[in-house]
Protein backbone atom coordinates (compact mmCIF):
# COMPACT_ATOMS: atom_id res chain seq x y z
CA MET A 1 -7.10 16.45 6.30
CA GLN A 2 -9.54 13.55 6.01
CA GLU A 3 -10.79 14.96 2.71
CA ILE A 4 -7.27 14.82 1.22
CA ILE A 5 -6.75 11.27 2.52
CA GLU A 6 -10.00 10.21 0.88
CA LYS A 7 -9.14 11.91 -2.42
CA ILE A 8 -5.76 10.19 -2.57
CA ALA A 9 -7.36 6.86 -1.61
CA LEU A 10 -9.99 7.20 -4.33
CA GLY A 11 -7.41 8.15 -6.96
CA VAL A 12 -5.30 5.11 -6.10
CA GLU A 13 -8.25 2.75 -5.82
CA LYS A 14 -9.67 3.80 -9.19
CA GLY A 15 -6.29 4.05 -10.92
CA LYS A 16 -6.71 7.75 -11.68
CA ILE A 17 -3.07 8.64 -12.23
CA SER A 18 -3.35 12.23 -13.44
CA LYS A 19 -5.84 14.67 -14.88
CA ALA A 20 -4.79 13.68 -18.39
CA SER A 21 -5.38 9.99 -17.74
CA PRO A 22 -8.41 8.68 -19.66
CA TYR A 23 -9.08 5.98 -17.09
CA PRO A 24 -11.46 5.57 -15.39
CA PRO A 25 -13.96 7.14 -17.82
CA GLU A 26 -16.24 8.39 -15.06
CA MET A 27 -13.38 10.53 -13.69
CA ALA A 28 -12.33 12.04 -17.03
CA GLY A 29 -11.06 15.60 -16.62
CA GLU A 30 -10.77 15.34 -12.84
CA ASP A 31 -7.50 15.74 -10.97
CA GLY A 32 -5.67 12.49 -10.45
CA ALA A 33 -3.38 11.28 -7.68
CA GLU A 34 -0.51 13.28 -9.21
CA GLU A 35 -2.24 16.67 -8.96
CA ILE A 36 -3.92 15.98 -5.63
CA ALA A 37 -0.63 15.02 -3.99
CA ALA A 38 1.25 18.02 -5.39
CA GLU A 39 -1.43 20.49 -4.32
CA ALA A 40 -1.74 18.94 -0.87
CA LEU A 41 1.98 19.37 -0.20
CA ARG A 42 1.91 22.95 -1.52
CA ASN A 43 -0.90 23.66 0.94
CA GLY A 44 1.09 22.30 3.86
CA ILE A 45 -0.71 18.99 4.26
CA ALA A 46 1.43 16.52 6.22
CA PRO A 47 3.17 13.97 3.96
CA ASP A 48 2.00 11.21 6.31
CA SER A 49 -1.57 11.95 5.24
CA LEU A 50 -0.69 11.22 1.62
CA MET A 51 0.88 7.92 2.65
CA THR A 52 -2.26 7.09 4.62
CA GLY A 53 -4.33 7.75 1.50
CA CYS A 54 -2.12 5.43 -0.55
CA MET A 55 -2.43 2.66 2.02
CA LEU A 56 -6.21 3.03 2.16
CA GLY A 57 -6.54 2.99 -1.63
CA MET A 58 -4.31 -0.07 -2.02
CA GLU A 59 -6.20 -1.86 0.75
CA ARG A 60 -9.48 -1.26 -1.08
CA ILE A 61 -8.22 -2.38 -4.50
CA GLY A 62 -6.53 -5.38 -2.86
CA LYS A 63 -9.80 -6.50 -1.29
CA ASP A 64 -11.66 -6.00 -4.57
CA PHE A 65 -9.03 -8.12 -6.34
CA GLU A 66 -9.37 -10.80 -3.68
CA GLU A 67 -13.13 -10.88 -4.28
CA GLU A 68 -12.57 -10.93 -8.08
CA LEU A 69 -14.36 -7.61 -8.52
CA VAL A 70 -11.32 -6.19 -10.35
CA PHE A 71 -8.46 -7.75 -12.26
CA ILE A 72 -4.71 -7.43 -12.84
CA PRO A 73 -4.97 -4.34 -15.13
CA ASN A 74 -6.85 -2.54 -12.36
CA LEU A 75 -4.11 -3.42 -9.88
CA VAL A 76 -1.45 -2.14 -12.27
CA LEU A 77 -3.25 1.19 -12.73
CA ALA A 78 -3.73 1.52 -8.99
CA ALA A 79 -0.01 0.95 -8.51
CA GLU A 80 0.80 3.62 -11.11
CA ALA A 81 -1.48 6.09 -9.33
CA MET A 82 0.22 5.21 -6.04
CA ASN A 83 3.63 5.73 -7.65
CA ALA A 84 2.51 9.19 -8.78
CA VAL A 85 1.97 10.05 -5.11
CA MET A 86 5.16 8.31 -3.97
CA LYS A 87 7.18 10.45 -6.39
CA HIS A 88 6.18 13.49 -4.36
CA LEU A 89 6.79 11.66 -1.08
CA LYS A 90 10.28 10.43 -1.98
CA PRO A 91 12.17 13.38 -0.41
CA PHE A 92 10.23 12.89 2.83
CA LEU A 93 10.85 9.14 2.79
CA ASP A 94 14.57 9.66 2.13
CA SER A 95 14.85 12.14 4.99
CA GLY A 96 12.93 9.91 7.39
CA GLN A 97 10.17 12.48 7.85
CA VAL A 98 7.68 9.90 6.60
CA LYS A 99 8.18 6.60 8.37
CA GLN A 100 7.69 3.27 6.65
CA LYS A 101 6.42 0.27 8.56
CA GLY A 102 9.28 -2.04 7.68
CA THR A 103 11.33 -3.50 4.84
CA PHE A 104 10.12 -6.25 2.54
CA VAL A 105 12.78 -7.96 0.43
CA ILE A 106 11.31 -9.86 -2.50
CA GLY A 107 12.66 -11.94 -5.36
CA THR A 108 11.84 -14.78 -7.73
CA VAL A 109 13.86 -17.83 -6.75
CA ALA A 110 16.90 -19.25 -8.54
CA GLY A 111 16.20 -20.72 -11.97
CA ASP A 112 12.89 -18.87 -12.38
CA LEU A 113 12.63 -15.77 -14.60
CA HIS A 114 8.95 -14.94 -14.05
CA ASP A 115 8.20 -11.65 -12.34
CA ILE A 116 4.55 -10.68 -12.89
CA GLY A 117 3.32 -12.21 -9.64
CA LYS A 118 6.32 -10.88 -7.73
CA ASN A 119 5.73 -7.38 -9.07
CA LEU A 120 2.04 -7.40 -8.16
CA VAL A 121 2.80 -8.46 -4.59
CA ALA A 122 5.48 -5.77 -4.33
CA MET A 123 3.00 -3.13 -5.58
CA VAL A 124 0.40 -4.01 -2.96
CA ILE A 125 2.90 -4.23 -0.10
CA ARG A 126 4.63 -1.00 -1.07
CA GLY A 127 1.26 0.75 -1.14
CA SER A 128 0.62 -0.56 2.36
CA GLY A 129 3.52 1.44 3.78
CA TYR A 130 6.54 -0.85 3.42
CA LYS A 131 9.91 -0.21 1.82
CA ILE A 132 10.41 -2.65 -1.04
CA VAL A 133 13.80 -4.11 -1.91
CA ASP A 134 13.28 -5.97 -5.18
CA LEU A 135 16.08 -8.44 -5.90
CA GLY A 136 14.59 -9.30 -9.29
CA VAL A 137 14.45 -12.80 -10.78
CA ASP A 138 16.69 -15.86 -10.60
CA VAL A 139 17.71 -14.89 -7.06
CA SER A 140 20.19 -17.19 -5.36
CA THR A 141 20.07 -18.17 -1.72
CA GLU A 142 23.24 -16.13 -1.20
CA LYS A 143 21.54 -12.96 -2.45
CA PHE A 144 18.64 -13.43 -0.04
CA LEU A 145 21.08 -13.95 2.83
CA GLU A 146 23.08 -10.86 1.83
CA ALA A 147 19.87 -8.82 1.78
CA ILE A 148 19.04 -9.92 5.33
CA LYS A 149 22.45 -8.67 6.48
CA GLU A 150 21.98 -5.37 4.64
CA HIS A 151 18.43 -4.84 5.95
CA PRO A 152 18.25 -6.08 9.55
CA GLY A 153 14.75 -6.96 10.64
CA CYS A 154 13.43 -7.26 7.10
CA PHE A 155 10.80 -9.67 5.85
CA ILE A 156 11.63 -11.97 2.95
CA GLY A 157 9.24 -12.74 0.09
CA MET A 158 9.90 -15.48 -2.47
CA SER A 159 8.04 -16.24 -5.68
CA ALA A 160 8.12 -19.29 -7.95
CA LEU A 161 6.00 -19.99 -11.00
CA LEU A 162 7.58 -23.27 -12.07
CA THR A 163 7.29 -26.57 -10.23
CA THR A 164 10.89 -27.21 -11.22
CA THR A 165 12.08 -24.22 -9.17
CA MET A 166 10.16 -25.07 -6.00
CA GLU A 167 13.13 -27.15 -4.91
CA ASN A 168 15.28 -24.01 -5.05
CA MET A 169 12.65 -22.15 -3.02
CA GLU A 170 12.74 -24.85 -0.38
CA LYS A 171 16.54 -24.76 -0.22
CA SER A 172 16.52 -20.97 0.15
CA VAL A 173 13.87 -21.00 2.88
CA LYS A 174 15.73 -23.64 4.89
CA ALA A 175 19.05 -21.81 4.52
CA ILE A 176 17.49 -18.55 5.70
CA LYS A 177 15.84 -20.23 8.67
CA GLU A 178 19.13 -21.84 9.62
CA ALA A 179 21.11 -18.61 9.35
CA SER A 180 18.45 -16.24 10.69
CA PRO A 181 15.60 -18.09 12.45
CA GLU A 182 13.86 -14.86 13.44
CA THR A 183 13.45 -13.68 9.82
CA LYS A 184 9.88 -14.12 8.58
CA VAL A 185 9.70 -15.73 5.13
CA LEU A 186 6.63 -15.42 2.90
CA ILE A 187 6.24 -17.55 -0.22
CA GLY A 188 3.89 -17.56 -3.18
CA GLY A 189 3.37 -18.54 -6.79
CA ALA A 190 1.09 -20.73 -8.88
CA PRO A 191 2.52 -24.14 -7.83
CA VAL A 192 2.99 -23.20 -4.16
CA SER A 193 0.56 -24.48 -1.54
CA GLU A 194 0.01 -24.45 2.21
CA SER A 195 1.32 -28.01 2.49
CA PHE A 196 4.51 -26.98 0.69
CA ARG A 197 4.88 -24.01 3.06
CA ALA A 198 4.67 -26.33 6.04
CA ARG A 199 7.20 -28.71 4.50
CA CYS A 200 9.81 -26.10 3.65
CA GLY A 201 9.43 -24.12 6.87
CA ALA A 202 8.27 -20.77 5.51
CA ASP A 203 6.15 -18.61 7.80
CA PHE A 204 3.35 -17.65 5.44
CA TYR A 205 1.68 -18.59 2.17
CA SER A 206 -1.33 -17.15 0.42
CA PRO A 207 -2.34 -16.71 -3.21
CA ILE A 208 -3.72 -13.29 -2.23
CA ALA A 209 -1.36 -10.34 -1.79
CA GLN A 210 -3.63 -8.48 0.63
CA GLN A 211 -3.42 -11.37 3.08
CA ALA A 212 0.36 -11.03 3.02
CA VAL A 213 -0.06 -7.40 4.12
CA THR A 214 -2.17 -8.55 7.06
CA PHE A 215 0.54 -11.04 8.06
CA LEU A 216 3.24 -8.37 7.83
CA ASN A 217 1.25 -5.91 9.91
CA GLU A 218 0.67 -8.54 12.58
CA ASN A 219 4.35 -9.46 12.74
CA LEU A 220 6.03 -6.05 12.88
CA PRO A 221 8.73 -5.80 15.54
């Protein structure tokens, strides 16, 4: 069991999607996350073990990214390897056989069409065992509030890349806190800072996605 967890974790961490994938060069010709996951399930390995491997791999790549040992392309490949595993886990997730930690609703705030940062955060958090509800870009306050009603107990993540849209982020955070004070709101983006977080009333800010995972894990119901 531990061997399979480690193989999945390594495949995700290194971005080894499948046997045919040329990256990373040192793993050329080896089975990737796709083949390892499929074979594990055929051999009766518990789906939870595959999820554990994904979480471990994403934790490792997240820490490496935080320490600037790897870069955005490495994160993207890790996410693709994770998605190769998640494809096999989907039936078990849909049936409830594999439990997810919680639900993370994420969107880029109203007036802002940038999604790279949002997508990277979603990748890391999904790989850490959370269900992701991606509202996309240019998300109004109303859409965030609707998502909270549809997903009771969810966390909210907001992204902004433009200083001109930070005002919309602040309005959305304050509206959410007024309507649902217990909902935890996480914010991020290039112009966002800790002082802005304190001013607008959000619960968490960090420029590093892995730190958001830590916050989520510490604040699960």
